[in-house]
Structures are given as structure tokens and as C-alpha cells.
N, C-alpha and C. Protein backbone atom coordinates (compact mmCIF):
# COMPACT_ATOMS: atom_id res chain seq x y z
N MET A 1 185.47 232.30 192.88
CA MET A 1 186.06 233.30 193.74
C MET A 1 185.34 234.61 193.46
N GLY A 2 185.08 235.37 194.50
CA GLY A 2 184.37 236.64 194.36
C GLY A 2 185.27 237.76 193.87
N TRP A 3 184.62 238.86 193.55
CA TRP A 3 185.34 240.02 193.03
C TRP A 3 186.32 240.59 194.05
N ILE A 4 185.87 240.67 195.29
CA ILE A 4 186.74 241.25 196.32
C ILE A 4 187.97 240.37 196.54
N ALA A 5 187.77 239.06 196.58
CA ALA A 5 188.91 238.16 196.73
C ALA A 5 189.85 238.26 195.54
N SER A 6 189.30 238.40 194.34
CA SER A 6 190.13 238.54 193.13
C SER A 6 190.96 239.82 193.19
N ILE A 7 190.36 240.89 193.67
CA ILE A 7 191.09 242.16 193.78
C ILE A 7 192.20 242.06 194.82
N ILE A 8 191.90 241.42 195.94
CA ILE A 8 192.91 241.26 196.99
C ILE A 8 194.06 240.38 196.50
N ILE A 9 193.73 239.25 195.89
CA ILE A 9 194.77 238.35 195.38
C ILE A 9 195.54 239.02 194.24
N GLY A 10 194.84 239.74 193.37
CA GLY A 10 195.50 240.47 192.29
C GLY A 10 196.45 241.52 192.81
N GLY A 11 196.02 242.25 193.83
CA GLY A 11 196.88 243.26 194.43
C GLY A 11 198.11 242.65 195.06
N LEU A 12 197.92 241.53 195.75
CA LEU A 12 199.05 240.84 196.36
C LEU A 12 200.02 240.31 195.31
N ALA A 13 199.48 239.70 194.26
CA ALA A 13 200.32 239.18 193.17
C ALA A 13 201.07 240.31 192.48
N GLY A 14 200.39 241.42 192.22
CA GLY A 14 201.04 242.57 191.58
C GLY A 14 202.11 243.17 192.46
N TRP A 15 201.87 243.23 193.77
CA TRP A 15 202.84 243.77 194.71
C TRP A 15 204.08 242.89 194.76
N ILE A 16 203.88 241.57 194.84
CA ILE A 16 205.02 240.65 194.86
C ILE A 16 205.82 240.75 193.56
N ALA A 17 205.11 240.80 192.43
CA ALA A 17 205.78 240.91 191.13
C ALA A 17 206.56 242.22 191.02
N SER A 18 205.99 243.32 191.51
CA SER A 18 206.70 244.59 191.42
C SER A 18 207.94 244.59 192.32
N ASN A 19 207.88 243.86 193.43
CA ASN A 19 209.08 243.74 194.28
C ASN A 19 210.13 242.85 193.65
N ILE A 20 209.72 241.77 193.01
CA ILE A 20 210.66 240.87 192.34
C ILE A 20 211.33 241.58 191.17
N MET A 21 210.54 242.32 190.40
CA MET A 21 211.06 242.98 189.20
C MET A 21 211.63 244.37 189.50
N LYS A 22 211.62 244.78 190.76
CA LYS A 22 212.16 246.08 191.19
C LYS A 22 211.53 247.26 190.46
N THR A 23 210.19 247.30 190.47
CA THR A 23 209.47 248.44 189.89
C THR A 23 208.83 249.23 191.01
N ASP A 24 208.54 250.48 190.75
CA ASP A 24 207.90 251.33 191.74
C ASP A 24 206.51 251.69 191.22
N THR A 25 205.55 250.81 191.52
CA THR A 25 204.18 251.04 191.09
C THR A 25 203.29 251.24 192.31
N GLY A 26 202.19 251.93 192.11
CA GLY A 26 201.26 252.18 193.19
C GLY A 26 200.32 251.01 193.41
N ILE A 27 199.46 251.13 194.40
CA ILE A 27 198.56 250.04 194.74
C ILE A 27 197.57 249.74 193.62
N LEU A 28 197.07 250.77 192.94
CA LEU A 28 196.12 250.55 191.85
C LEU A 28 196.80 249.79 190.71
N MET A 29 198.01 250.18 190.37
CA MET A 29 198.74 249.49 189.29
C MET A 29 199.06 248.06 189.70
N ASN A 30 199.36 247.82 190.97
CA ASN A 30 199.61 246.46 191.45
C ASN A 30 198.37 245.59 191.27
N ILE A 31 197.21 246.13 191.60
CA ILE A 31 195.97 245.38 191.45
C ILE A 31 195.72 245.07 189.98
N ILE A 32 195.90 246.06 189.13
CA ILE A 32 195.69 245.86 187.69
C ILE A 32 196.69 244.84 187.14
N LEU A 33 197.96 244.97 187.52
CA LEU A 33 198.97 244.01 187.07
C LEU A 33 198.63 242.59 187.50
N GLY A 34 198.18 242.43 188.73
CA GLY A 34 197.85 241.10 189.23
C GLY A 34 196.65 240.48 188.54
N ILE A 35 195.59 241.28 188.33
CA ILE A 35 194.38 240.75 187.70
C ILE A 35 194.62 240.47 186.22
N VAL A 36 195.20 241.42 185.51
CA VAL A 36 195.49 241.20 184.09
C VAL A 36 196.56 240.12 183.93
N GLY A 37 197.51 240.09 184.86
CA GLY A 37 198.54 239.05 184.83
C GLY A 37 197.95 237.67 185.01
N ALA A 38 196.98 237.53 185.90
CA ALA A 38 196.32 236.23 186.09
C ALA A 38 195.61 235.80 184.81
N PHE A 39 194.97 236.75 184.14
CA PHE A 39 194.30 236.44 182.88
C PHE A 39 195.31 235.99 181.83
N VAL A 40 196.41 236.72 181.71
CA VAL A 40 197.45 236.39 180.73
C VAL A 40 198.05 235.01 181.03
N ALA A 41 198.38 234.76 182.29
CA ALA A 41 198.98 233.48 182.66
C ALA A 41 198.01 232.33 182.42
N ASN A 42 196.73 232.51 182.78
CA ASN A 42 195.74 231.45 182.53
C ASN A 42 195.58 231.19 181.04
N LEU A 43 195.66 232.23 180.23
CA LEU A 43 195.56 232.08 178.78
C LEU A 43 196.77 231.30 178.24
N ILE A 44 197.97 231.70 178.65
CA ILE A 44 199.18 231.04 178.17
C ILE A 44 199.25 229.59 178.65
N PHE A 45 199.03 229.40 179.94
CA PHE A 45 199.10 228.04 180.48
C PHE A 45 197.93 227.17 180.02
N GLY A 46 196.81 227.78 179.66
CA GLY A 46 195.69 227.04 179.12
C GLY A 46 196.04 226.37 177.80
N PHE A 47 196.84 227.07 177.00
CA PHE A 47 197.30 226.48 175.74
C PHE A 47 198.22 225.29 175.99
N LEU A 48 198.90 225.30 177.13
CA LEU A 48 199.80 224.21 177.47
C LEU A 48 199.11 223.09 178.26
N GLY A 49 197.83 223.28 178.56
CA GLY A 49 197.07 222.26 179.27
C GLY A 49 197.20 222.34 180.79
N VAL A 50 197.68 223.46 181.31
CA VAL A 50 197.84 223.64 182.75
C VAL A 50 196.75 224.59 183.24
N SER A 51 196.10 224.25 184.34
CA SER A 51 195.08 225.14 184.88
C SER A 51 195.36 225.41 186.36
N PHE A 52 194.94 226.57 186.82
CA PHE A 52 195.14 226.99 188.20
C PHE A 52 193.78 227.08 188.88
N SER A 53 193.72 226.66 190.14
CA SER A 53 192.48 226.80 190.90
C SER A 53 192.82 227.09 192.35
N GLY A 54 191.89 227.66 193.05
CA GLY A 54 192.10 228.01 194.45
C GLY A 54 192.85 229.30 194.61
N ILE A 55 192.98 229.70 195.84
CA ILE A 55 193.64 230.97 196.15
C ILE A 55 195.12 230.94 195.79
N ILE A 56 195.81 229.87 196.17
CA ILE A 56 197.25 229.78 195.88
C ILE A 56 197.49 229.69 194.38
N GLY A 57 196.68 228.92 193.68
CA GLY A 57 196.82 228.80 192.23
C GLY A 57 196.61 230.12 191.52
N ASN A 58 195.59 230.88 191.95
CA ASN A 58 195.35 232.18 191.34
C ASN A 58 196.43 233.19 191.71
N LEU A 59 196.98 233.06 192.91
CA LEU A 59 198.09 233.93 193.29
C LEU A 59 199.32 233.65 192.42
N ILE A 60 199.61 232.38 192.20
CA ILE A 60 200.75 232.01 191.35
C ILE A 60 200.52 232.47 189.91
N ALA A 61 199.30 232.27 189.41
CA ALA A 61 198.99 232.71 188.04
C ALA A 61 199.13 234.22 187.92
N GLY A 62 198.60 234.97 188.89
CA GLY A 62 198.72 236.42 188.87
C GLY A 62 200.15 236.88 188.95
N LEU A 63 200.95 236.21 189.77
CA LEU A 63 202.36 236.56 189.92
C LEU A 63 203.13 236.32 188.63
N VAL A 64 202.95 235.14 188.06
CA VAL A 64 203.65 234.80 186.80
C VAL A 64 203.22 235.76 185.69
N GLY A 65 201.92 235.99 185.59
CA GLY A 65 201.41 236.88 184.54
C GLY A 65 201.88 238.31 184.72
N ALA A 66 201.90 238.80 185.95
CA ALA A 66 202.37 240.17 186.21
C ALA A 66 203.85 240.31 185.87
N ILE A 67 204.64 239.30 186.19
CA ILE A 67 206.06 239.33 185.84
C ILE A 67 206.22 239.35 184.33
N ILE A 68 205.41 238.57 183.62
CA ILE A 68 205.46 238.56 182.15
C ILE A 68 205.09 239.94 181.61
N LEU A 69 204.07 240.58 182.18
CA LEU A 69 203.67 241.91 181.72
C LEU A 69 204.74 242.96 181.98
N ILE A 70 205.35 242.92 183.16
CA ILE A 70 206.41 243.88 183.48
C ILE A 70 207.61 243.67 182.55
N TYR A 71 207.97 242.42 182.34
CA TYR A 71 209.09 242.12 181.44
C TYR A 71 208.78 242.59 180.02
N GLY A 72 207.57 242.32 179.55
CA GLY A 72 207.17 242.75 178.21
C GLY A 72 207.18 244.26 178.07
N TYR A 73 206.71 244.96 179.10
CA TYR A 73 206.72 246.43 179.07
C TYR A 73 208.14 246.96 178.99
N ARG A 74 209.04 246.36 179.78
CA ARG A 74 210.44 246.79 179.75
C ARG A 74 211.08 246.52 178.41
N ALA A 75 210.74 245.39 177.78
CA ALA A 75 211.31 245.04 176.48
C ALA A 75 210.85 246.01 175.40
N ILE A 76 209.59 246.41 175.46
CA ILE A 76 209.06 247.35 174.47
C ILE A 76 209.61 248.76 174.73
N LYS A 77 209.76 249.12 175.98
CA LYS A 77 210.21 250.47 176.35
C LYS A 77 211.61 250.76 175.87
N LYS A 78 212.48 249.74 175.84
CA LYS A 78 213.88 249.93 175.41
C LYS A 78 213.88 250.19 173.98
């Protein structure tokens, strides 16, 4: 997958995660959350033997990872 597609999918995943978790983040933060979230989810699920591929798989990985990051940030912030 190319860089532009990764940014678009990351932005979409971050936006969906921010709506699910009820956060008010901007478009840049959504993109960062989605891309870093995809990396985190692939790392965690890689240890469990699960891999994601394709656009839908990367969107799911980005979404799950972004939710994990938002949850972790909230847990540390309290």
C-alpha cells in the first residue's frame, strides 16, 4: 500500500476511533492516531499470530490501535 493510501486509511481510522471514544481531535491528530494505531495493533496482534492485509484489514488495525492509544492516554491522564 502506498503512502497516500496509508495516510487516507489512517485518517479514516483515527476519525472513526475519535468518534467512538468521544474525543475532539483535529484531522492531523486523527491521521497520526490511525497510522500509529495501525502499527500498535499490528505489533500486538502479531504476537498473537494474527495479521491484517488489504484496505479493510489495515482500517480495522488502525481503528483498534487508535482506540487502544486513546484509552491508554486517558488512563495515564487520570
